[in-house]
Each structure stands twice: as structure tokens, then as C-alpha cells.
Amino acid sequence: MRPLALGSALLVLVLGAAPSRTAEEPATPKGVRVFSAGHSFHVFMPGLLNGMAKDAGIKDHKHVGTSSIGGSRTIQHWDQPDDKNKTKAALKEGTVDVLTLSPIFHPDAGVDNFVELGLKHNEYLRVTVQAFWLPYDVYDRDYQKKRPAPVDRNARTLDEMKKRLVAQ
């Protein structure tokens, strides 16, 4: 079973706008060409999206490519040399309808750079940015240098968690 929130968000990418149709003719969603660039918590996304498109009967969905760098910021994908930069190449070809990105922290200049480049070659490009988990549940850009003490993730009660969510 696929996670509902992720599945719903990704299915929106695939479906886009339904084509015009007559009353007797069922809608056939048009597929999109997707490129994904991100870290290891994003690399599973293309496979899930391909499966959902297939399950929905969308025959023209296409996964254009993937750029995967473990623990990466989006700017690291942008800064790859041009001869190795599959993301830039695909955007320049105009063969991407949806670009999915996954920076660790915001802001990330790589997101802006890819959006600007992509829109030059496809004015209808859609870009999604995956929310990232916080390493060790701490917002610290230097997380790889300092590791906090172990945390008992089961210590909070449901009431405590609800209070924290409502307070935000």
C-alpha cells in the first residue's frame, strides 16, 4: 500500500488538466514527462510515480531521468559539470514537464536556478520541492559535524504531540 499523502501529491503531478470530452467519452488523463533530482530520500519517488501512472491507465507518462546524490542540496545537482549534468541537459532539451527536487535545507539557490533554466525551455514547466526530514530532529545546517545525544522518540505522549502541533 502506498502512503496516501505522497500518493495524492504525486498523482496530481501525473493527472494535470483533463482533456475536453463528450458526455459519453470518459476522461483520459494526459501523462507528463518527469525528471527527478535529489538525495536518497527522494530517489524512490520516480518508481512510485510510474506505478501510480500505470495503475491509473495513463499510457503516455514518461520518466525522463534521475540525478541522485546522497545527502545532497539542490545546488549540488546544479553545480555538477555540464558534461555530467543530466538535469540541466533535460531541461535545455525542453523534454521536462515536471521537475521534482529535494533540498535538505531552505533556501537553496539550486531550486531557483533550475526553475529559471527550465522555464526558458518550457514555459509550462511545473517544479515540486519535497519537504525534508530534519536530521536528528534538529534544524542545524552543520548536522554532519555534531551529533546530538540519542533521543527516545517514543517518550512523548499523544497529548504532548497534539499540543506541539497546535502551537505551531
C-alpha atoms as a PDB file:
ATOM      1  CA  MET A   1       0.000   0.000   0.000  1.00  0.00           C
ATOM      2  CA  ARG A   2       1.337   3.432  -0.922  1.00  0.00           C
ATOM      3  CA  PRO A   3       1.349   6.298   1.589  1.00  0.00           C
ATOM      4  CA  LEU A   4      -1.812   8.324   0.957  1.00  0.00           C
ATOM      5  CA  ALA A   5      -0.322  11.823   1.242  1.00  0.00           C
ATOM      6  CA  LEU A   6       2.613  11.069  -1.032  1.00  0.00           C
ATOM      7  CA  GLY A   7       0.414   9.181  -3.448  1.00  0.00           C
ATOM      8  CA  SER A   8      -2.117  12.007  -3.656  1.00  0.00           C
ATOM      9  CA  ALA A   9       0.558  14.623  -4.223  1.00  0.00           C
ATOM     10  CA  LEU A  10       2.302  12.602  -6.898  1.00  0.00           C
ATOM     11  CA  LEU A  11      -0.924  11.671  -8.668  1.00  0.00           C
ATOM     12  CA  VAL A  12      -1.719  15.384  -9.028  1.00  0.00           C
ATOM     13  CA  LEU A  13       1.549  15.695 -10.940  1.00  0.00           C
ATOM     14  CA  VAL A  14       0.518  12.977 -13.331  1.00  0.00           C
ATOM     15  CA  LEU A  15      -3.063  13.952 -13.979  1.00  0.00           C
ATOM     16  CA  GLY A  16      -2.716  17.645 -14.750  1.00  0.00           C
ATOM     17  CA  ALA A  17      -5.737  19.038 -16.571  1.00  0.00           C
ATOM     18  CA  ALA A  18      -8.228  16.612 -18.078  1.00  0.00           C
ATOM     19  CA  PRO A  19      -8.684  16.956 -21.857  1.00  0.00           C
ATOM     20  CA  SER A  20     -12.033  18.024 -23.287  1.00  0.00           C
ATOM     21  CA  ARG A  21     -14.506  15.211 -23.895  1.00  0.00           C
ATOM     22  CA  THR A  22     -18.078  14.436 -24.795  1.00  0.00           C
ATOM     23  CA  ALA A  23     -20.629  13.226 -22.246  1.00  0.00           C
ATOM     24  CA  GLU A  24     -20.281   9.627 -23.453  1.00  0.00           C
ATOM     25  CA  GLU A  25     -16.498   9.641 -23.542  1.00  0.00           C
ATOM     26  CA  PRO A  26     -14.593   9.092 -20.268  1.00  0.00           C
ATOM     27  CA  ALA A  27     -11.697  11.428 -19.473  1.00  0.00           C
ATOM     28  CA  THR A  28      -8.254  10.062 -20.255  1.00  0.00           C
ATOM     29  CA  PRO A  29      -5.629  11.943 -18.261  1.00  0.00           C
ATOM     30  CA  LYS A  30      -2.597  13.059 -20.217  1.00  0.00           C
ATOM     31  CA  GLY A  31       0.755  11.903 -18.907  1.00  0.00           C
ATOM     32  CA  VAL A  32       3.698  14.149 -18.201  1.00  0.00           C
ATOM     33  CA  ARG A  33       7.460  13.898 -18.638  1.00  0.00           C
ATOM     34  CA  VAL A  34       9.110  13.900 -15.202  1.00  0.00           C
ATOM     35  CA  PHE A  35      12.737  14.441 -14.171  1.00  0.00           C
ATOM     36  CA  SER A  36      13.810  13.970 -10.536  1.00  0.00           C
ATOM     37  CA  ALA A  37      16.897  15.401  -8.841  1.00  0.00           C
ATOM     38  CA  GLY A  38      17.540  14.774  -5.183  1.00  0.00           C
ATOM     39  CA  HIS A  39      19.028  12.884  -2.282  1.00  0.00           C
ATOM     40  CA  SER A  40      18.420   9.334  -1.098  1.00  0.00           C
ATOM     41  CA  PHE A  41      15.040  10.182   0.468  1.00  0.00           C
ATOM     42  CA  HIS A  42      13.802  11.312  -2.952  1.00  0.00           C
ATOM     43  CA  VAL A  43      15.231   8.642  -5.229  1.00  0.00           C
ATOM     44  CA  PHE A  44      12.288   6.257  -4.638  1.00  0.00           C
ATOM     45  CA  MET A  45       9.778   8.787  -5.997  1.00  0.00           C
ATOM     46  CA  PRO A  46      10.090   8.062  -9.756  1.00  0.00           C
ATOM     47  CA  GLY A  47       9.247   4.393  -9.279  1.00  0.00           C
ATOM     48  CA  LEU A  48       6.186   5.204  -7.177  1.00  0.00           C
ATOM     49  CA  LEU A  49       5.016   7.785  -9.683  1.00  0.00           C
ATOM     50  CA  ASN A  50       5.496   5.394 -12.606  1.00  0.00           C
ATOM     51  CA  GLY A  51       3.443   2.757 -10.781  1.00  0.00           C
ATOM     52  CA  MET A  52       0.632   5.186  -9.999  1.00  0.00           C
ATOM     53  CA  ALA A  53       0.507   6.414 -13.601  1.00  0.00           C
ATOM     54  CA  LYS A  54       0.330   2.828 -14.844  1.00  0.00           C
ATOM     55  CA  ASP A  55      -2.358   1.899 -12.275  1.00  0.00           C
ATOM     56  CA  ALA A  56      -4.371   4.947 -13.374  1.00  0.00           C
ATOM     57  CA  GLY A  57      -4.184   3.863 -17.022  1.00  0.00           C
ATOM     58  CA  ILE A  58      -2.027   6.810 -18.085  1.00  0.00           C
ATOM     59  CA  LYS A  59      -0.101   5.400 -21.017  1.00  0.00           C
ATOM     60  CA  ASP A  60       1.967   8.425 -22.031  1.00  0.00           C
ATOM     61  CA  HIS A  61       3.581   9.155 -18.640  1.00  0.00           C
ATOM     62  CA  LYS A  62       7.357   9.206 -19.003  1.00  0.00           C
ATOM     63  CA  HIS A  63      10.200   9.262 -16.506  1.00  0.00           C
ATOM     64  CA  VAL A  64      12.809  11.369 -18.328  1.00  0.00           C
ATOM     65  CA  GLY A  65      15.654  10.865 -15.876  1.00  0.00           C
ATOM     66  CA  THR A  66      17.096  10.978 -12.378  1.00  0.00           C
ATOM     67  CA  SER A  67      20.003  12.755 -10.731  1.00  0.00           C
ATOM     68  CA  SER A  68      20.733  11.257  -7.335  1.00  0.00           C
ATOM     69  CA  ILE A  69      23.406  12.476  -4.919  1.00  0.00           C
ATOM     70  CA  GLY A  70      23.212  11.107  -1.376  1.00  0.00           C
ATOM     71  CA  GLY A  71      22.599  13.740   1.324  1.00  0.00           C
ATOM     72  CA  SER A  72      22.564  16.468  -1.309  1.00  0.00           C
ATOM     73  CA  ARG A  73      21.371  20.011  -1.540  1.00  0.00           C
ATOM     74  CA  THR A  74      19.798  21.015  -4.856  1.00  0.00           C
ATOM     75  CA  ILE A  75      22.696  23.372  -5.561  1.00  0.00           C
ATOM     76  CA  GLN A  76      24.989  20.317  -5.683  1.00  0.00           C
ATOM     77  CA  HIS A  77      22.955  18.987  -8.618  1.00  0.00           C
ATOM     78  CA  TRP A  78      23.134  22.409 -10.277  1.00  0.00           C
ATOM     79  CA  ASP A  79      26.918  22.647  -9.752  1.00  0.00           C
ATOM     80  CA  GLN A  80      27.688  19.334 -11.469  1.00  0.00           C
ATOM     81  CA  PRO A  81      29.881  19.800 -14.572  1.00  0.00           C
ATOM     82  CA  ASP A  82      27.838  20.338 -17.737  1.00  0.00           C
ATOM     83  CA  ASP A  83      29.083  17.089 -19.312  1.00  0.00           C
ATOM     84  CA  LYS A  84      27.672  15.135 -16.326  1.00  0.00           C
ATOM     85  CA  ASN A  85      24.635  17.285 -15.533  1.00  0.00           C
ATOM     86  CA  LYS A  86      21.638  15.230 -16.709  1.00  0.00           C
ATOM     87  CA  THR A  87      19.169  17.627 -15.072  1.00  0.00           C
ATOM     88  CA  LYS A  88      20.341  20.711 -16.959  1.00  0.00           C
ATOM     89  CA  ALA A  89      20.570  18.758 -20.219  1.00  0.00           C
ATOM     90  CA  ALA A  90      16.975  17.512 -19.950  1.00  0.00           C
ATOM     91  CA  LEU A  91      15.678  20.990 -19.082  1.00  0.00           C
ATOM     92  CA  LYS A  92      17.568  22.554 -22.008  1.00  0.00           C
ATOM     93  CA  GLU A  93      16.047  19.982 -24.379  1.00  0.00           C
ATOM     94  CA  GLY A  94      12.591  21.110 -23.248  1.00  0.00           C
ATOM     95  CA  THR A  95      11.614  17.490 -22.592  1.00  0.00           C
ATOM     96  CA  VAL A  96      10.566  18.008 -18.958  1.00  0.00           C
ATOM     97  CA  ASP A  97       7.011  18.901 -17.895  1.00  0.00           C
ATOM     98  CA  VAL A  98       7.560  18.313 -14.158  1.00  0.00           C
ATOM     99  CA  LEU A  99      10.832  18.646 -12.251  1.00  0.00           C
ATOM    100  CA  THR A 100      10.925  17.195  -8.738  1.00  0.00           C
ATOM    101  CA  LEU A 101      13.627  18.451  -6.351  1.00  0.00           C
ATOM    102  CA  SER A 102      14.590  17.655  -2.760  1.00  0.00           C
ATOM    103  CA  PRO A 103      16.881  20.096  -0.982  1.00  0.00           C
ATOM    104  CA  ILE A 104      17.941  19.359   2.579  1.00  0.00           C
ATOM    105  CA  PHE A 105      17.620  22.960   3.777  1.00  0.00           C
ATOM    106  CA  HIS A 106      15.978  26.131   2.539  1.00  0.00           C
ATOM    107  CA  PRO A 107      16.790  28.443   0.968  1.00  0.00           C
ATOM    108  CA  ASP A 108      18.656  26.551  -1.718  1.00  0.00           C
ATOM    109  CA  ALA A 109      19.824  28.556  -4.737  1.00  0.00           C
ATOM    110  CA  GLY A 110      19.765  25.392  -6.832  1.00  0.00           C
ATOM    111  CA  VAL A 111      15.959  25.407  -6.789  1.00  0.00           C
ATOM    112  CA  ASP A 112      15.831  28.948  -8.197  1.00  0.00           C
ATOM    113  CA  ASN A 113      18.496  28.145 -10.789  1.00  0.00           C
ATOM    114  CA  PHE A 114      16.672  25.066 -12.083  1.00  0.00           C
ATOM    115  CA  VAL A 115      13.323  26.882 -12.193  1.00  0.00           C
ATOM    116  CA  GLU A 116      14.818  29.748 -14.195  1.00  0.00           C
ATOM    117  CA  LEU A 117      16.589  27.415 -16.642  1.00  0.00           C
ATOM    118  CA  GLY A 118      13.579  25.138 -17.027  1.00  0.00           C
ATOM    119  CA  LEU A 119      11.137  27.959 -17.734  1.00  0.00           C
ATOM    120  CA  LYS A 120      13.406  29.257 -20.520  1.00  0.00           C
ATOM    121  CA  HIS A 121      12.863  25.981 -22.371  1.00  0.00           C
ATOM    122  CA  ASN A 122       9.306  25.073 -21.296  1.00  0.00           C
ATOM    123  CA  GLU A 123       7.085  27.908 -20.125  1.00  0.00           C
ATOM    124  CA  TYR A 124       4.607  25.374 -18.680  1.00  0.00           C
ATOM    125  CA  LEU A 125       7.185  23.566 -16.536  1.00  0.00           C
ATOM    126  CA  ARG A 126       5.979  22.638 -13.044  1.00  0.00           C
ATOM    127  CA  VAL A 127       8.509  22.240 -10.234  1.00  0.00           C
ATOM    128  CA  THR A 128       7.853  20.456  -6.962  1.00  0.00           C
ATOM    129  CA  VAL A 129      10.069  20.632  -3.892  1.00  0.00           C
ATOM    130  CA  GLN A 130       9.933  17.756  -1.413  1.00  0.00           C
ATOM    131  CA  ALA A 131       9.838  18.641   2.267  1.00  0.00           C
ATOM    132  CA  PHE A 132      12.831  17.154   4.012  1.00  0.00           C
ATOM    133  CA  TRP A 133      13.093  15.404   7.366  1.00  0.00           C
ATOM    134  CA  LEU A 134      15.393  17.105   9.858  1.00  0.00           C
ATOM    135  CA  PRO A 135      18.499  15.079  10.642  1.00  0.00           C
ATOM    136  CA  TYR A 136      18.313  14.101  14.293  1.00  0.00           C
ATOM    137  CA  ASP A 137      15.127  16.224  14.501  1.00  0.00           C
ATOM    138  CA  VAL A 138      17.252  19.365  14.818  1.00  0.00           C
ATOM    139  CA  TYR A 139      17.419  22.276  12.348  1.00  0.00           C
ATOM    140  CA  ASP A 140      21.181  22.600  12.140  1.00  0.00           C
ATOM    141  CA  ARG A 141      22.920  23.184   8.812  1.00  0.00           C
ATOM    142  CA  ASP A 142      26.092  21.676  10.290  1.00  0.00           C
ATOM    143  CA  TYR A 143      24.402  18.421  11.307  1.00  0.00           C
ATOM    144  CA  GLN A 144      27.172  16.248   9.885  1.00  0.00           C
ATOM    145  CA  LYS A 145      29.755  17.710  12.289  1.00  0.00           C
ATOM    146  CA  LYS A 146      27.829  17.381  15.534  1.00  0.00           C
ATOM    147  CA  ARG A 147      25.579  14.592  16.555  1.00  0.00           C
ATOM    148  CA  PRO A 148      23.152  15.194  19.434  1.00  0.00           C
ATOM    149  CA  ALA A 149      22.596  12.759  22.263  1.00  0.00           C
ATOM    150  CA  PRO A 150      20.229   9.875  21.475  1.00  0.00           C
ATOM    151  CA  VAL A 151      16.545  10.716  21.752  1.00  0.00           C
ATOM    152  CA  ASP A 152      13.760   8.411  22.924  1.00  0.00           C
ATOM    153  CA  ARG A 153      11.288   9.009  20.089  1.00  0.00           C
ATOM    154  CA  ASN A 154       8.573   7.107  21.931  1.00  0.00           C
ATOM    155  CA  ALA A 155       8.761   9.180  25.125  1.00  0.00           C
ATOM    156  CA  ARG A 156       6.198  11.841  24.131  1.00  0.00           C
ATOM    157  CA  THR A 157       2.561  11.135  24.708  1.00  0.00           C
ATOM    158  CA  LEU A 158      -0.109  11.723  22.077  1.00  0.00           C
ATOM    159  CA  ASP A 159      -1.440  14.693  24.068  1.00  0.00           C
ATOM    160  CA  GLU A 160       2.043  16.282  24.147  1.00  0.00           C
ATOM    161  CA  MET A 161       2.404  15.830  20.404  1.00  0.00           C
ATOM    162  CA  LYS A 162      -1.013  17.370  19.716  1.00  0.00           C
ATOM    163  CA  LYS A 163      -0.119  20.404  21.843  1.00  0.00           C
ATOM    164  CA  ARG A 164       3.143  20.898  19.944  1.00  0.00           C
ATOM    165  CA  LEU A 165       1.389  20.697  16.575  1.00  0.00           C
ATOM    166  CA  VAL A 166      -1.383  23.091  17.567  1.00  0.00           C
ATOM    167  CA  ALA A 167       1.141  25.587  18.976  1.00  0.00           C
ATOM    168  CA  GLN A 168       2.841  25.838  15.590  1.00  0.00           C
END
